[in-house]
Amino acid sequence: MNEYINSLGALVGLNLNIPHIEVPTSISLIVIFGVLMLSMLLSFIMTKHEQV
């Protein structure tokens, strides 16, 4: 992805030189799962709170 951004910047005349960061797949999946669970929990709590 960074190569794409750097080459896009080169087309415009910018030297962006954005570094590349490797994130392990397991960490990425844990973060996605955590965000989904948190959003479901907050949605459930807010729905119960509004019904009272």
PDB file of N, CA and C in Angstrom:
ATOM      1  N   MET A   1       0.822  -1.189   0.000  1.00  0.00           N
ATOM      2  CA  MET A   1       0.000   0.000   0.000  1.00  0.00           C
ATOM      3  C   MET A   1       0.868   1.257   0.000  1.00  0.00           C
ATOM      4  N   ASN A   2       1.969   1.201   0.769  1.00  0.00           N
ATOM      5  CA  ASN A   2       2.841   2.369   0.841  1.00  0.00           C
ATOM      6  C   ASN A   2       3.482   2.684  -0.496  1.00  0.00           C
ATOM      7  N   GLU A   3       3.802   1.625  -1.262  1.00  0.00           N
ATOM      8  CA  GLU A   3       4.381   1.865  -2.577  1.00  0.00           C
ATOM      9  C   GLU A   3       3.386   2.604  -3.455  1.00  0.00           C
ATOM     10  N   TYR A   4       2.105   2.259  -3.316  1.00  0.00           N
ATOM     11  CA  TYR A   4       1.061   2.918  -4.093  1.00  0.00           C
ATOM     12  C   TYR A   4       0.968   4.392  -3.722  1.00  0.00           C
ATOM     13  N   ILE A   5       0.987   4.677  -2.422  1.00  0.00           N
ATOM     14  CA  ILE A   5       0.898   6.067  -1.966  1.00  0.00           C
ATOM     15  C   ILE A   5       2.137   6.849  -2.391  1.00  0.00           C
ATOM     16  N   ASN A   6       3.318   6.226  -2.250  1.00  0.00           N
ATOM     17  CA  ASN A   6       4.556   6.905  -2.638  1.00  0.00           C
ATOM     18  C   ASN A   6       4.576   7.187  -4.136  1.00  0.00           C
ATOM     19  N   SER A   7       4.124   6.221  -4.966  1.00  0.00           N
ATOM     20  CA  SER A   7       4.123   6.447  -6.410  1.00  0.00           C
ATOM     21  C   SER A   7       3.059   7.461  -6.805  1.00  0.00           C
ATOM     22  N   LEU A   8       1.944   7.482  -6.091  1.00  0.00           N
ATOM     23  CA  LEU A   8       0.913   8.486  -6.362  1.00  0.00           C
ATOM     24  C   LEU A   8       1.441   9.881  -6.035  1.00  0.00           C
ATOM     25  N   GLY A   9       2.169   9.989  -4.929  1.00  0.00           N
ATOM     26  CA  GLY A   9       2.788  11.267  -4.572  1.00  0.00           C
ATOM     27  C   GLY A   9       3.814  11.693  -5.590  1.00  0.00           C
ATOM     28  N   ALA A  10       4.553  10.732  -6.155  1.00  0.00           N
ATOM     29  CA  ALA A  10       5.568  11.050  -7.168  1.00  0.00           C
ATOM     30  C   ALA A  10       4.920  11.609  -8.427  1.00  0.00           C
ATOM     31  N   LEU A  11       3.716  11.140  -8.753  1.00  0.00           N
ATOM     32  CA  LEU A  11       3.001  11.669  -9.920  1.00  0.00           C
ATOM     33  C   LEU A  11       2.668  13.150  -9.735  1.00  0.00           C
ATOM     34  N   VAL A  12       2.381  13.532  -8.505  1.00  0.00           N
ATOM     35  CA  VAL A  12       2.023  14.913  -8.209  1.00  0.00           C
ATOM     36  C   VAL A  12       3.268  15.773  -7.992  1.00  0.00           C
ATOM     37  N   GLY A  13       4.418  15.106  -7.791  1.00  0.00           N
ATOM     38  CA  GLY A  13       5.651  15.841  -7.583  1.00  0.00           C
ATOM     39  C   GLY A  13       6.084  15.883  -6.132  1.00  0.00           C
ATOM     40  N   LEU A  14       5.509  15.019  -5.306  1.00  0.00           N
ATOM     41  CA  LEU A  14       5.868  14.970  -3.885  1.00  0.00           C
ATOM     42  C   LEU A  14       6.711  13.744  -3.589  1.00  0.00           C
ATOM     43  N   ASN A  15       7.670  13.868  -2.704  1.00  0.00           N
ATOM     44  CA  ASN A  15       8.463  12.730  -2.248  1.00  0.00           C
ATOM     45  C   ASN A  15       7.975  12.377  -0.844  1.00  0.00           C
ATOM     46  N   LEU A  16       6.975  11.505  -0.745  1.00  0.00           N
ATOM     47  CA  LEU A  16       6.354  11.192   0.544  1.00  0.00           C
ATOM     48  C   LEU A  16       7.206  10.247   1.379  1.00  0.00           C
ATOM     49  N   ASN A  17       7.746   9.196   0.757  1.00  0.00           N
ATOM     50  CA  ASN A  17       8.622   8.235   1.429  1.00  0.00           C
ATOM     51  C   ASN A  17       8.043   7.760   2.754  1.00  0.00           C
ATOM     52  N   ILE A  18       6.829   7.197   2.719  1.00  0.00           N
ATOM     53  CA  ILE A  18       6.142   6.702   3.909  1.00  0.00           C
ATOM     54  C   ILE A  18       6.699   5.322   4.278  1.00  0.00           C
ATOM     55  N   PRO A  19       7.107   5.107   5.538  1.00  0.00           N
ATOM     56  CA  PRO A  19       7.648   3.801   5.932  1.00  0.00           C
ATOM     57  C   PRO A  19       6.569   2.733   5.977  1.00  0.00           C
ATOM     58  N   HIS A  20       6.997   1.486   5.882  1.00  0.00           N
ATOM     59  CA  HIS A  20       6.085   0.348   5.885  1.00  0.00           C
ATOM     60  C   HIS A  20       6.114  -0.319   7.255  1.00  0.00           C
ATOM     61  N   ILE A  21       4.950  -0.591   7.825  1.00  0.00           N
ATOM     62  CA  ILE A  21       4.856  -1.240   9.130  1.00  0.00           C
ATOM     63  C   ILE A  21       4.149  -2.574   8.953  1.00  0.00           C
ATOM     64  N   GLU A  22       4.794  -3.664   9.382  1.00  0.00           N
ATOM     65  CA  GLU A  22       4.195  -4.996   9.315  1.00  0.00           C
ATOM     66  C   GLU A  22       3.393  -5.259  10.589  1.00  0.00           C
ATOM     67  N   VAL A  23       2.128  -5.641  10.425  1.00  0.00           N
ATOM     68  CA  VAL A  23       1.286  -6.010  11.559  1.00  0.00           C
ATOM     69  C   VAL A  23       0.920  -7.477  11.373  1.00  0.00           C
ATOM     70  N   PRO A  24       1.215  -8.320  12.369  1.00  0.00           N
ATOM     71  CA  PRO A  24       0.876  -9.744  12.243  1.00  0.00           C
ATOM     72  C   PRO A  24      -0.633  -9.938  12.077  1.00  0.00           C
ATOM     73  N   THR A  25      -0.992 -10.959  11.319  1.00  0.00           N
ATOM     74  CA  THR A  25      -2.401 -11.240  11.049  1.00  0.00           C
ATOM     75  C   THR A  25      -3.174 -11.490  12.337  1.00  0.00           C
ATOM     76  N   SER A  26      -2.574 -12.200  13.285  1.00  0.00           N
ATOM     77  CA  SER A  26      -3.267 -12.505  14.538  1.00  0.00           C
ATOM     78  C   SER A  26      -3.613 -11.230  15.305  1.00  0.00           C
ATOM     79  N   ILE A  27      -2.698 -10.275  15.341  1.00  0.00           N
ATOM     80  CA  ILE A  27      -2.957  -9.004  16.045  1.00  0.00           C
ATOM     81  C   ILE A  27      -4.086  -8.253  15.344  1.00  0.00           C
ATOM     82  N   SER A  28      -4.042  -8.240  14.030  1.00  0.00           N
ATOM     83  CA  SER A  28      -5.066  -7.551  13.259  1.00  0.00           C
ATOM     84  C   SER A  28      -6.450  -8.155  13.517  1.00  0.00           C
ATOM     85  N   LEU A  29      -6.530  -9.477  13.510  1.00  0.00           N
ATOM     86  CA  LEU A  29      -7.816 -10.144  13.751  1.00  0.00           C
ATOM     87  C   LEU A  29      -8.315  -9.908  15.173  1.00  0.00           C
ATOM     88  N   ILE A  30      -7.410  -9.888  16.139  1.00  0.00           N
ATOM     89  CA  ILE A  30      -7.804  -9.629  17.533  1.00  0.00           C
ATOM     90  C   ILE A  30      -8.385  -8.223  17.666  1.00  0.00           C
ATOM     91  N   VAL A  31      -7.753  -7.245  17.026  1.00  0.00           N
ATOM     92  CA  VAL A  31      -8.245  -5.863  17.089  1.00  0.00           C
ATOM     93  C   VAL A  31      -9.616  -5.765  16.422  1.00  0.00           C
ATOM     94  N   ILE A  32      -9.784  -6.373  15.254  1.00  0.00           N
ATOM     95  CA  ILE A  32     -11.075  -6.336  14.549  1.00  0.00           C
ATOM     96  C   ILE A  32     -12.155  -7.007  15.391  1.00  0.00           C
ATOM     97  N   PHE A  33     -11.848  -8.176  15.953  1.00  0.00           N
ATOM     98  CA  PHE A  33     -12.805  -8.891  16.790  1.00  0.00           C
ATOM     99  C   PHE A  33     -13.171  -8.062  18.021  1.00  0.00           C
ATOM    100  N   GLY A  34     -12.189  -7.427  18.644  1.00  0.00           N
ATOM    101  CA  GLY A  34     -12.448  -6.605  19.822  1.00  0.00           C
ATOM    102  C   GLY A  34     -13.349  -5.419  19.512  1.00  0.00           C
ATOM    103  N   VAL A  35     -13.111  -4.762  18.375  1.00  0.00           N
ATOM    104  CA  VAL A  35     -13.944  -3.619  17.985  1.00  0.00           C
ATOM    105  C   VAL A  35     -15.375  -4.084  17.717  1.00  0.00           C
ATOM    106  N   LEU A  36     -15.534  -5.210  17.043  1.00  0.00           N
ATOM    107  CA  LEU A  36     -16.878  -5.730  16.781  1.00  0.00           C
ATOM    108  C   LEU A  36     -17.608  -6.087  18.073  1.00  0.00           C
ATOM    109  N   MET A  37     -16.917  -6.755  19.002  1.00  0.00           N
ATOM    110  CA  MET A  37     -17.545  -7.140  20.265  1.00  0.00           C
ATOM    111  C   MET A  37     -17.917  -5.909  21.095  1.00  0.00           C
ATOM    112  N   LEU A  38     -17.026  -4.915  21.124  1.00  0.00           N
ATOM    113  CA  LEU A  38     -17.306  -3.695  21.873  1.00  0.00           C
ATOM    114  C   LEU A  38     -18.504  -2.950  21.284  1.00  0.00           C
ATOM    115  N   SER A  39     -18.574  -2.870  19.969  1.00  0.00           N
ATOM    116  CA  SER A  39     -19.701  -2.169  19.349  1.00  0.00           C
ATOM    117  C   SER A  39     -21.009  -2.913  19.584  1.00  0.00           C
ATOM    118  N   MET A  40     -20.968  -4.246  19.549  1.00  0.00           N
ATOM    119  CA  MET A  40     -22.191  -5.014  19.829  1.00  0.00           C
ATOM    120  C   MET A  40     -22.628  -4.831  21.282  1.00  0.00           C
ATOM    121  N   LEU A  41     -21.674  -4.853  22.201  1.00  0.00           N
ATOM    122  CA  LEU A  41     -21.983  -4.680  23.620  1.00  0.00           C
ATOM    123  C   LEU A  41     -22.565  -3.298  23.893  1.00  0.00           C
ATOM    124  N   LEU A  42     -21.936  -2.256  23.335  1.00  0.00           N
ATOM    125  CA  LEU A  42     -22.443  -0.900  23.536  1.00  0.00           C
ATOM    126  C   LEU A  42     -23.822  -0.720  22.907  1.00  0.00           C
ATOM    127  N   SER A  43     -24.045  -1.320  21.752  1.00  0.00           N
ATOM    128  CA  SER A  43     -25.350  -1.247  21.110  1.00  0.00           C
ATOM    129  C   SER A  43     -26.419  -1.918  21.980  1.00  0.00           C
ATOM    130  N   PHE A  44     -26.076  -3.064  22.550  1.00  0.00           N
ATOM    131  CA  PHE A  44     -27.011  -3.780  23.419  1.00  0.00           C
ATOM    132  C   PHE A  44     -27.320  -2.961  24.665  1.00  0.00           C
ATOM    133  N   ILE A  45     -26.300  -2.364  25.279  1.00  0.00           N
ATOM    134  CA  ILE A  45     -26.485  -1.568  26.493  1.00  0.00           C
ATOM    135  C   ILE A  45     -27.323  -0.324  26.194  1.00  0.00           C
ATOM    136  N   MET A  46     -27.024   0.366  25.102  1.00  0.00           N
ATOM    137  CA  MET A  46     -27.765   1.586  24.759  1.00  0.00           C
ATOM    138  C   MET A  46     -29.224   1.278  24.428  1.00  0.00           C
ATOM    139  N   THR A  47     -29.478   0.157  23.765  1.00  0.00           N
ATOM    140  CA  THR A  47     -30.855  -0.222  23.427  1.00  0.00           C
ATOM    141  C   THR A  47     -31.645  -0.529  24.699  1.00  0.00           C
ATOM    142  N   LYS A  48     -31.046  -1.259  25.630  1.00  0.00           N
ATOM    143  CA  LYS A  48     -31.719  -1.569  26.893  1.00  0.00           C
ATOM    144  C   LYS A  48     -31.941  -0.283  27.698  1.00  0.00           C
ATOM    145  N   HIS A  49     -30.996   0.644  27.663  1.00  0.00           N
ATOM    146  CA  HIS A  49     -31.108   1.900  28.409  1.00  0.00           C
ATOM    147  C   HIS A  49     -32.237   2.763  27.853  1.00  0.00           C
ATOM    148  N   GLU A  50     -32.427   2.769  26.541  1.00  0.00           N
ATOM    149  CA  GLU A  50     -33.469   3.594  25.915  1.00  0.00           C
ATOM    150  C   GLU A  50     -34.861   3.023  26.146  1.00  0.00           C
ATOM    151  N   GLN A  51     -34.981   1.710  26.360  1.00  0.00           N
ATOM    152  CA  GLN A  51     -36.291   1.091  26.557  1.00  0.00           C
ATOM    153  C   GLN A  51     -36.847   1.370  27.939  1.00  0.00           C
ATOM    154  N   VAL A  52     -36.009   1.719  28.909  1.00  0.00           N
ATOM    155  CA  VAL A  52     -36.460   1.945  30.290  1.00  0.00           C
ATOM    156  C   VAL A  52     -37.108   3.288  30.427  1.00  0.00           C
TER     157      VAL A  52
END
